[in-house]
Every structure is written in structure tokens, then in C-alpha cells.
Amino acid sequence: MNGRVKFYEDRNFMGRSWECNSDCADMSSYMNRCHSFRVMSGCWMFYDQPNYMGHQYCFRRGEYSDYMSMWGSSNWVRSCRMVPWYNGHYRMRVYERDNYMGQMMEMTDDCDNFMNRYNWSHGWHSCHVMDGHWLFYDQPNYMGRMWYFRNPPNRLQATGAT
């Protein structure tokens, strides 16, 4: 299934618009800004910086007339990536130190509180996605800032995650 999203420069789906159906590393050549959008199909990760950098936000089908108030920031979407449909196993290894060092835990399913489930009070600092797509949140119960990890590329590293 292909994804499709339509971005608007102003709130409430007003102003110049641009329709997207694939990853876009830098939306500045299409729009000056983005204050609202409609996700018509697929699941998307939006980033507040070009080249898939900065804060990440996941959106599914729906209308978002003023998403900036939802984000609680003045930044707008600068790049986007479609999350491909995946129907398979999920497997990821997280490590307590950078460069895949230290204690390792393997995950194969959802976890609403990583620290409690694995009795890690110090967080994790690197990960290796072996199968599937993963969203990590910096707060329990799927709250707070999120990070999207996928395979490929096969080895991904997050630094400073707690």
C-alpha cells in the first residue's frame, strides 16, 4: 500500500499545498512552511528538521488542522518518511552502553515501561534492529519524545537515550 499525505502552508488546510507519496528529505523546495496536513493513506514519520533529523512524530490517516499546538512547538514539518507496511517478526537488541557494549536485552514485542520490565535504571545507549520497525518513547506508556528505528540499515545507534 502506498502512502499519501497533503501538506498545507497555513492552518486549517489553507494556503499553498503539496501532495507527497514518498520519502522527502527536505520539503523547502516545495513549501515555505507547513502548518496543517491530511494523511490520506499510510503511516508517516514527520521531522521538524531536514534530512529526517530533529524531533520525530508519527501520524496515521486523519486530518491535522493545527498540529503545531499538538506538538507544543513552533517548528513545522521539514522532512517526512513513509513507514512501510510490515508483516513479520519483530526483534531488537538494546545495549546499556554505546557501540553495542555492556548488558544486552532482546525485545520481540511491545513494552509500555522498558525500565520496569528489564530492571534497568540507567537506560540504554545503542540498539540493533534485526526485524521490523520500532518506536521508542522517552516516557512510560508510550508518551513523550519518540524515536523511529527500522531495518535496514541493519545497525542503528541511539546515543543518550534514557
N, C-alpha and C. Protein backbone atom coordinates (compact mmCIF):
# COMPACT_ATOMS: atom_id res chain seq x y z
N MET A 1 0.85 -1.19 0.00
CA MET A 1 0.00 0.00 0.00
C MET A 1 0.88 1.24 0.00
N ASN A 2 0.61 2.15 -0.91
CA ASN A 2 1.34 3.40 -0.96
C ASN A 2 0.73 4.40 0.00
N GLY A 3 1.56 5.23 0.56
CA GLY A 3 1.09 6.28 1.43
C GLY A 3 0.89 7.57 0.66
N ARG A 4 0.04 8.41 1.21
CA ARG A 4 -0.22 9.69 0.58
C ARG A 4 -0.57 10.71 1.65
N VAL A 5 0.07 11.87 1.57
CA VAL A 5 -0.21 12.94 2.52
C VAL A 5 -0.22 14.26 1.76
N LYS A 6 -1.08 15.18 2.19
CA LYS A 6 -1.15 16.50 1.57
C LYS A 6 -0.85 17.55 2.64
N PHE A 7 0.18 18.35 2.38
CA PHE A 7 0.63 19.39 3.30
C PHE A 7 0.09 20.75 2.87
N TYR A 8 -0.21 21.60 3.85
CA TYR A 8 -0.70 22.95 3.60
C TYR A 8 0.17 23.94 4.35
N GLU A 9 0.41 25.09 3.72
CA GLU A 9 1.27 26.09 4.36
C GLU A 9 0.62 26.72 5.58
N ASP A 10 -0.70 26.83 5.59
CA ASP A 10 -1.38 27.51 6.70
C ASP A 10 -2.26 26.53 7.48
N ARG A 11 -2.68 26.98 8.64
CA ARG A 11 -3.58 26.19 9.47
C ARG A 11 -4.92 25.98 8.76
N ASN A 12 -5.65 24.97 9.20
CA ASN A 12 -6.99 24.67 8.68
C ASN A 12 -7.00 24.40 7.17
N PHE A 13 -5.93 23.79 6.68
CA PHE A 13 -5.84 23.34 5.28
C PHE A 13 -5.97 24.49 4.28
N MET A 14 -5.38 25.61 4.64
CA MET A 14 -5.43 26.80 3.79
C MET A 14 -4.04 27.07 3.21
N GLY A 15 -4.01 27.91 2.21
CA GLY A 15 -2.76 28.31 1.59
C GLY A 15 -2.27 27.29 0.57
N ARG A 16 -1.08 27.52 0.11
CA ARG A 16 -0.48 26.63 -0.89
C ARG A 16 -0.37 25.22 -0.34
N SER A 17 -0.53 24.22 -1.21
CA SER A 17 -0.46 22.83 -0.76
C SER A 17 0.50 22.04 -1.63
N TRP A 18 0.88 20.90 -1.11
CA TRP A 18 1.77 19.99 -1.83
C TRP A 18 1.43 18.57 -1.41
N GLU A 19 1.28 17.68 -2.38
CA GLU A 19 0.95 16.29 -2.10
C GLU A 19 2.20 15.43 -2.22
N CYS A 20 2.35 14.50 -1.29
CA CYS A 20 3.55 13.67 -1.23
C CYS A 20 3.14 12.20 -1.12
N ASN A 21 3.87 11.33 -1.82
CA ASN A 21 3.58 9.90 -1.72
C ASN A 21 4.85 9.07 -1.54
N SER A 22 5.95 9.73 -1.12
CA SER A 22 7.19 9.01 -0.84
C SER A 22 8.04 9.83 0.13
N ASP A 23 9.14 9.29 0.56
CA ASP A 23 10.03 9.99 1.48
C ASP A 23 10.49 11.31 0.87
N CYS A 24 10.65 12.31 1.71
CA CYS A 24 11.15 13.61 1.28
C CYS A 24 12.10 14.14 2.34
N ALA A 25 13.37 14.26 1.99
CA ALA A 25 14.40 14.68 2.94
C ALA A 25 14.38 16.18 3.22
N ASP A 26 13.83 16.97 2.30
CA ASP A 26 13.80 18.42 2.50
C ASP A 26 12.62 19.00 1.74
N MET A 27 11.61 19.43 2.48
CA MET A 27 10.39 19.95 1.87
C MET A 27 10.51 21.41 1.44
N SER A 28 11.61 22.07 1.74
CA SER A 28 11.73 23.51 1.48
C SER A 28 11.64 23.86 0.00
N SER A 29 11.96 22.93 -0.89
CA SER A 29 11.83 23.24 -2.32
C SER A 29 10.36 23.17 -2.78
N TYR A 30 9.48 22.62 -1.96
CA TYR A 30 8.06 22.52 -2.29
C TYR A 30 7.20 23.53 -1.54
N MET A 31 7.61 23.85 -0.30
CA MET A 31 6.80 24.73 0.55
C MET A 31 7.72 25.57 1.43
N ASN A 32 7.24 26.77 1.80
CA ASN A 32 7.98 27.62 2.72
C ASN A 32 7.80 27.19 4.17
N ARG A 33 6.64 26.65 4.44
CA ARG A 33 6.30 26.21 5.80
C ARG A 33 5.15 25.21 5.71
N CYS A 34 4.84 24.58 6.82
CA CYS A 34 3.72 23.64 6.85
C CYS A 34 3.04 23.74 8.21
N HIS A 35 1.75 24.10 8.20
CA HIS A 35 1.01 24.25 9.45
C HIS A 35 -0.15 23.28 9.60
N SER A 36 -0.52 22.59 8.51
CA SER A 36 -1.57 21.58 8.61
C SER A 36 -1.37 20.54 7.52
N PHE A 37 -1.99 19.37 7.71
CA PHE A 37 -1.85 18.31 6.71
C PHE A 37 -2.97 17.29 6.86
N ARG A 38 -3.15 16.54 5.78
CA ARG A 38 -4.10 15.42 5.77
C ARG A 38 -3.33 14.16 5.38
N VAL A 39 -3.36 13.17 6.24
CA VAL A 39 -2.78 11.86 5.90
C VAL A 39 -3.91 11.06 5.28
N MET A 40 -3.82 10.82 4.00
CA MET A 40 -4.89 10.13 3.28
C MET A 40 -4.70 8.62 3.29
N SER A 41 -3.45 8.18 3.37
CA SER A 41 -3.20 6.75 3.49
C SER A 41 -1.78 6.53 4.01
N GLY A 42 -1.61 5.39 4.64
CA GLY A 42 -0.30 5.02 5.17
C GLY A 42 -0.04 5.56 6.55
N CYS A 43 1.13 5.25 7.03
CA CYS A 43 1.63 5.73 8.32
C CYS A 43 2.91 6.50 8.03
N TRP A 44 3.06 7.66 8.63
CA TRP A 44 4.17 8.56 8.31
C TRP A 44 4.92 9.02 9.55
N MET A 45 6.22 9.20 9.39
CA MET A 45 7.05 9.88 10.39
C MET A 45 7.35 11.25 9.83
N PHE A 46 7.08 12.29 10.62
CA PHE A 46 7.40 13.66 10.24
C PHE A 46 8.50 14.16 11.16
N TYR A 47 9.37 14.99 10.62
CA TYR A 47 10.54 15.50 11.34
C TYR A 47 10.53 17.02 11.27
N ASP A 48 10.96 17.67 12.35
CA ASP A 48 10.95 19.13 12.35
C ASP A 48 12.25 19.73 11.80
N GLN A 49 13.13 18.88 11.25
CA GLN A 49 14.35 19.33 10.60
C GLN A 49 14.52 18.59 9.28
N PRO A 50 15.24 19.16 8.33
CA PRO A 50 15.50 18.44 7.07
C PRO A 50 16.33 17.18 7.32
N ASN A 51 16.36 16.30 6.35
CA ASN A 51 17.16 15.08 6.38
C ASN A 51 16.80 14.14 7.52
N TYR A 52 15.51 14.12 7.87
CA TYR A 52 14.99 13.19 8.87
C TYR A 52 15.66 13.38 10.23
N MET A 53 15.90 14.61 10.58
CA MET A 53 16.56 14.96 11.85
C MET A 53 15.58 15.71 12.75
N GLY A 54 15.98 15.89 13.98
CA GLY A 54 15.17 16.63 14.94
C GLY A 54 14.12 15.76 15.60
N HIS A 55 13.10 16.40 16.13
CA HIS A 55 12.02 15.67 16.77
C HIS A 55 11.23 14.90 15.72
N GLN A 56 10.75 13.73 16.12
CA GLN A 56 10.01 12.84 15.23
C GLN A 56 8.59 12.68 15.75
N TYR A 57 7.66 12.59 14.81
CA TYR A 57 6.26 12.42 15.17
C TYR A 57 5.62 11.44 14.20
N CYS A 58 4.84 10.54 14.72
CA CYS A 58 4.19 9.51 13.90
C CYS A 58 2.73 9.87 13.71
N PHE A 59 2.26 9.82 12.45
CA PHE A 59 0.88 10.14 12.14
C PHE A 59 0.27 9.06 11.26
N ARG A 60 -0.98 8.73 11.54
CA ARG A 60 -1.76 7.80 10.74
C ARG A 60 -2.84 8.60 10.00
N ARG A 61 -3.64 7.89 9.27
CA ARG A 61 -4.72 8.51 8.48
C ARG A 61 -5.53 9.46 9.36
N GLY A 62 -5.76 10.65 8.84
CA GLY A 62 -6.54 11.64 9.57
C GLY A 62 -6.24 13.05 9.11
N GLU A 63 -6.96 14.00 9.69
CA GLU A 63 -6.79 15.41 9.37
C GLU A 63 -6.21 16.13 10.58
N TYR A 64 -5.20 16.93 10.34
CA TYR A 64 -4.47 17.62 11.39
C TYR A 64 -4.44 19.11 11.02
N SER A 65 -5.45 19.84 11.48
CA SER A 65 -5.63 21.23 11.06
C SER A 65 -4.69 22.21 11.75
N ASP A 66 -4.16 21.83 12.92
CA ASP A 66 -3.23 22.70 13.65
C ASP A 66 -2.34 21.81 14.51
N TYR A 67 -1.54 21.00 13.86
CA TYR A 67 -0.73 20.03 14.59
C TYR A 67 0.33 20.69 15.47
N MET A 68 0.72 21.94 15.16
CA MET A 68 1.78 22.58 15.94
C MET A 68 1.38 22.76 17.40
N SER A 69 0.10 23.03 17.67
CA SER A 69 -0.33 23.15 19.05
C SER A 69 -0.27 21.79 19.74
N MET A 70 -0.46 20.72 18.94
CA MET A 70 -0.35 19.37 19.49
C MET A 70 1.10 19.06 19.85
N TRP A 71 2.05 19.52 19.01
CA TRP A 71 3.48 19.29 19.26
C TRP A 71 3.98 20.17 20.40
N GLY A 72 3.34 21.31 20.60
CA GLY A 72 3.81 22.22 21.63
C GLY A 72 5.09 22.92 21.21
N SER A 73 5.24 23.19 19.93
CA SER A 73 6.44 23.88 19.46
C SER A 73 6.09 24.79 18.31
N SER A 74 7.05 25.59 17.89
CA SER A 74 6.84 26.48 16.75
C SER A 74 7.48 25.93 15.49
N ASN A 75 8.04 24.75 15.55
CA ASN A 75 8.65 24.14 14.37
C ASN A 75 7.60 23.43 13.54
N TRP A 76 7.81 23.42 12.23
CA TRP A 76 6.88 22.72 11.36
C TRP A 76 7.59 21.58 10.66
N VAL A 77 6.82 20.78 9.95
CA VAL A 77 7.35 19.62 9.25
C VAL A 77 8.35 20.07 8.20
N ARG A 78 9.56 19.50 8.24
CA ARG A 78 10.59 19.85 7.26
C ARG A 78 11.00 18.65 6.41
N SER A 79 10.74 17.44 6.90
CA SER A 79 11.01 16.23 6.13
C SER A 79 10.03 15.15 6.58
N CYS A 80 9.81 14.17 5.72
CA CYS A 80 8.86 13.12 6.05
C CYS A 80 9.32 11.79 5.47
N ARG A 81 8.90 10.73 6.13
CA ARG A 81 9.26 9.38 5.70
C ARG A 81 8.06 8.48 5.91
N MET A 82 7.69 7.74 4.86
CA MET A 82 6.58 6.80 4.99
C MET A 82 7.08 5.56 5.73
N VAL A 83 6.29 5.10 6.67
CA VAL A 83 6.61 3.86 7.39
C VAL A 83 6.00 2.73 6.58
N PRO A 84 6.84 1.88 5.99
CA PRO A 84 6.29 0.81 5.15
C PRO A 84 5.53 -0.22 5.97
N TRP A 85 4.52 -0.83 5.33
CA TRP A 85 3.77 -1.89 5.96
C TRP A 85 4.72 -3.04 6.24
N TYR A 86 4.60 -3.63 7.41
CA TYR A 86 5.47 -4.74 7.77
C TYR A 86 4.61 -5.85 8.38
N ASN A 87 4.77 -7.06 7.88
CA ASN A 87 4.03 -8.20 8.39
C ASN A 87 5.03 -9.32 8.63
N GLY A 88 5.63 -9.30 9.78
CA GLY A 88 6.64 -10.30 10.08
C GLY A 88 7.00 -10.27 11.56
N HIS A 89 8.14 -10.81 11.87
CA HIS A 89 8.63 -10.86 13.25
C HIS A 89 9.25 -9.52 13.62
N TYR A 90 9.25 -9.25 14.91
CA TYR A 90 9.87 -8.04 15.45
C TYR A 90 10.96 -8.47 16.42
N ARG A 91 12.16 -7.93 16.20
CA ARG A 91 13.26 -8.28 17.09
C ARG A 91 14.28 -7.15 17.10
N MET A 92 14.67 -6.76 18.31
CA MET A 92 15.63 -5.69 18.50
C MET A 92 16.46 -5.97 19.74
N ARG A 93 17.72 -5.63 19.68
CA ARG A 93 18.60 -5.73 20.85
C ARG A 93 18.98 -4.33 21.30
N VAL A 94 18.85 -4.08 22.60
CA VAL A 94 19.27 -2.80 23.17
C VAL A 94 20.43 -3.06 24.11
N TYR A 95 21.35 -2.11 24.14
CA TYR A 95 22.57 -2.25 24.93
C TYR A 95 22.70 -1.09 25.90
N GLU A 96 23.29 -1.38 27.05
CA GLU A 96 23.39 -0.35 28.07
C GLU A 96 24.46 0.70 27.76
N ARG A 97 25.38 0.43 26.84
CA ARG A 97 26.44 1.39 26.51
C ARG A 97 26.51 1.61 25.00
N ASP A 98 27.20 2.65 24.60
CA ASP A 98 27.42 2.95 23.18
C ASP A 98 28.15 1.81 22.51
N ASN A 99 28.04 1.78 21.17
CA ASN A 99 28.77 0.82 20.34
C ASN A 99 28.45 -0.64 20.67
N TYR A 100 27.20 -0.89 21.07
CA TYR A 100 26.72 -2.26 21.31
C TYR A 100 27.52 -2.98 22.40
N MET A 101 27.87 -2.26 23.42
CA MET A 101 28.65 -2.80 24.53
C MET A 101 27.79 -2.88 25.79
N GLY A 102 28.26 -3.66 26.75
CA GLY A 102 27.58 -3.79 28.03
C GLY A 102 26.44 -4.77 27.98
N GLN A 103 25.62 -4.71 29.01
CA GLN A 103 24.48 -5.62 29.11
C GLN A 103 23.55 -5.43 27.92
N MET A 104 22.99 -6.56 27.42
CA MET A 104 22.11 -6.54 26.26
C MET A 104 20.78 -7.19 26.63
N MET A 105 19.70 -6.62 26.12
CA MET A 105 18.37 -7.20 26.25
C MET A 105 17.77 -7.32 24.86
N GLU A 106 17.10 -8.44 24.59
CA GLU A 106 16.44 -8.62 23.31
C GLU A 106 14.95 -8.43 23.49
N MET A 107 14.35 -7.67 22.59
CA MET A 107 12.93 -7.39 22.64
C MET A 107 12.25 -7.98 21.42
N THR A 108 11.04 -8.52 21.61
CA THR A 108 10.29 -9.08 20.50
C THR A 108 8.83 -8.61 20.48
N ASP A 109 8.46 -7.73 21.42
CA ASP A 109 7.09 -7.25 21.46
C ASP A 109 7.02 -5.88 22.12
N ASP A 110 5.82 -5.32 22.17
CA ASP A 110 5.61 -4.01 22.78
C ASP A 110 5.97 -4.05 24.26
N CYS A 111 6.36 -2.89 24.76
CA CYS A 111 6.72 -2.76 26.17
C CYS A 111 6.33 -1.36 26.61
N ASP A 112 5.39 -1.25 27.56
CA ASP A 112 4.93 0.08 27.97
C ASP A 112 5.85 0.76 28.98
N ASN A 113 6.77 0.02 29.59
CA ASN A 113 7.73 0.62 30.51
C ASN A 113 9.02 -0.19 30.51
N PHE A 114 9.93 0.19 29.67
CA PHE A 114 11.19 -0.53 29.48
C PHE A 114 11.98 -0.66 30.78
N MET A 115 12.09 0.42 31.54
CA MET A 115 12.90 0.41 32.77
C MET A 115 12.36 -0.59 33.78
N ASN A 116 11.06 -0.65 33.96
CA ASN A 116 10.47 -1.60 34.90
C ASN A 116 10.58 -3.04 34.40
N ARG A 117 10.28 -3.24 33.13
CA ARG A 117 10.27 -4.59 32.57
C ARG A 117 11.64 -5.26 32.66
N TYR A 118 12.69 -4.50 32.36
CA TYR A 118 14.02 -5.08 32.33
C TYR A 118 14.89 -4.70 33.52
N ASN A 119 14.30 -4.00 34.50
CA ASN A 119 15.03 -3.59 35.70
C ASN A 119 16.31 -2.82 35.37
N TRP A 120 16.21 -1.95 34.39
CA TRP A 120 17.33 -1.08 34.03
C TRP A 120 17.02 0.33 34.52
N SER A 121 17.79 0.83 35.42
CA SER A 121 17.56 2.18 35.92
C SER A 121 18.42 3.20 35.17
N HIS A 122 19.37 2.74 34.40
CA HIS A 122 20.33 3.63 33.75
C HIS A 122 20.04 3.86 32.27
N GLY A 123 19.00 3.28 31.72
CA GLY A 123 18.65 3.50 30.32
C GLY A 123 19.47 2.65 29.37
N TRP A 124 19.39 3.00 28.10
CA TRP A 124 20.14 2.27 27.08
C TRP A 124 20.76 3.29 26.14
N HIS A 125 21.82 2.88 25.44
CA HIS A 125 22.57 3.83 24.62
C HIS A 125 22.83 3.39 23.19
N SER A 126 22.54 2.16 22.85
CA SER A 126 22.66 1.73 21.45
C SER A 126 21.70 0.58 21.21
N CYS A 127 21.36 0.38 19.93
CA CYS A 127 20.42 -0.68 19.60
C CYS A 127 20.73 -1.26 18.23
N HIS A 128 20.29 -2.47 18.04
CA HIS A 128 20.47 -3.19 16.78
C HIS A 128 19.11 -3.74 16.40
N VAL A 129 18.52 -3.18 15.34
CA VAL A 129 17.23 -3.66 14.85
C VAL A 129 17.49 -4.82 13.92
N MET A 130 16.96 -5.97 14.27
CA MET A 130 17.14 -7.15 13.44
C MET A 130 15.91 -7.40 12.57
N ASP A 131 14.72 -7.16 13.09
CA ASP A 131 13.49 -7.36 12.33
C ASP A 131 12.46 -6.31 12.72
N GLY A 132 11.77 -5.77 11.73
CA GLY A 132 10.64 -4.90 11.99
C GLY A 132 10.98 -3.43 12.10
N HIS A 133 9.98 -2.67 12.55
CA HIS A 133 10.07 -1.24 12.79
C HIS A 133 9.72 -1.00 14.24
N TRP A 134 10.39 -0.07 14.88
CA TRP A 134 10.19 0.17 16.30
C TRP A 134 10.04 1.65 16.59
N LEU A 135 9.16 1.98 17.52
CA LEU A 135 9.05 3.32 18.07
C LEU A 135 9.44 3.25 19.54
N PHE A 136 10.37 4.08 19.93
CA PHE A 136 10.75 4.20 21.34
C PHE A 136 10.33 5.56 21.85
N TYR A 137 9.86 5.60 23.09
CA TYR A 137 9.41 6.83 23.73
C TYR A 137 10.26 7.09 24.96
N ASP A 138 10.46 8.37 25.30
CA ASP A 138 11.30 8.68 26.45
C ASP A 138 10.53 8.66 27.77
N GLN A 139 9.23 8.38 27.74
CA GLN A 139 8.41 8.27 28.94
C GLN A 139 7.63 6.96 28.91
N PRO A 140 7.29 6.41 30.07
CA PRO A 140 6.47 5.19 30.10
C PRO A 140 5.11 5.40 29.43
N ASN A 141 4.47 4.30 29.08
CA ASN A 141 3.12 4.28 28.50
C ASN A 141 3.03 5.03 27.17
N TYR A 142 4.08 4.92 26.38
CA TYR A 142 4.11 5.46 25.02
C TYR A 142 3.89 6.97 24.98
N MET A 143 4.54 7.67 25.89
CA MET A 143 4.40 9.12 25.99
C MET A 143 5.77 9.79 25.77
N GLY A 144 5.73 11.06 25.45
CA GLY A 144 6.94 11.87 25.32
C GLY A 144 7.54 11.81 23.93
N ARG A 145 8.80 12.24 23.85
CA ARG A 145 9.51 12.22 22.57
C ARG A 145 9.63 10.81 22.05
N MET A 146 9.63 10.67 20.72
CA MET A 146 9.73 9.33 20.14
C MET A 146 10.90 9.26 19.18
N TRP A 147 11.37 8.03 18.99
CA TRP A 147 12.42 7.72 18.03
C TRP A 147 11.96 6.53 17.20
N TYR A 148 12.17 6.62 15.91
CA TYR A 148 11.78 5.57 14.98
C TYR A 148 13.03 4.82 14.54
N PHE A 149 13.02 3.51 14.69
CA PHE A 149 14.13 2.66 14.29
C PHE A 149 13.61 1.60 13.34
N ARG A 150 14.40 1.30 12.33
CA ARG A 150 13.97 0.30 11.36
C ARG A 150 15.18 -0.45 10.82
N ASN A 151 14.88 -1.50 10.10
CA ASN A 151 15.90 -2.31 9.45
C ASN A 151 15.49 -2.44 7.99
N PRO A 152 16.24 -2.13 7.00
CA PRO A 152 17.60 -1.60 7.01
C PRO A 152 17.61 -0.11 7.27
N PRO A 153 18.73 0.54 7.52
CA PRO A 153 20.02 -0.11 7.67
C PRO A 153 20.02 -1.05 8.86
N ASN A 154 20.87 -2.03 8.82
CA ASN A 154 20.83 -3.11 9.79
C ASN A 154 21.21 -2.65 11.19
N ARG A 155 22.20 -1.82 11.31
CA ARG A 155 22.62 -1.39 12.65
C ARG A 155 22.34 0.09 12.83
N LEU A 156 21.58 0.39 13.85
CA LEU A 156 21.26 1.75 14.19
C LEU A 156 21.73 2.02 15.61
N GLN A 157 22.19 3.22 15.85
CA GLN A 157 22.66 3.52 17.19
C GLN A 157 21.98 4.80 17.68
N ALA A 158 21.46 4.73 18.86
CA ALA A 158 20.91 5.90 19.51
C ALA A 158 21.83 6.25 20.66
N THR A 159 22.21 7.50 20.74
CA THR A 159 23.07 7.91 21.84
C THR A 159 22.29 8.81 22.77
N GLY A 160 22.50 8.61 24.03
CA GLY A 160 21.86 9.45 25.03
C GLY A 160 20.43 9.08 25.35
N ALA A 161 19.90 8.03 24.82
CA ALA A 161 18.52 7.63 25.15
C ALA A 161 18.49 7.12 26.57
N THR A 162 17.44 7.48 27.28
CA THR A 162 17.32 7.01 28.67
C THR A 162 15.99 6.39 28.90
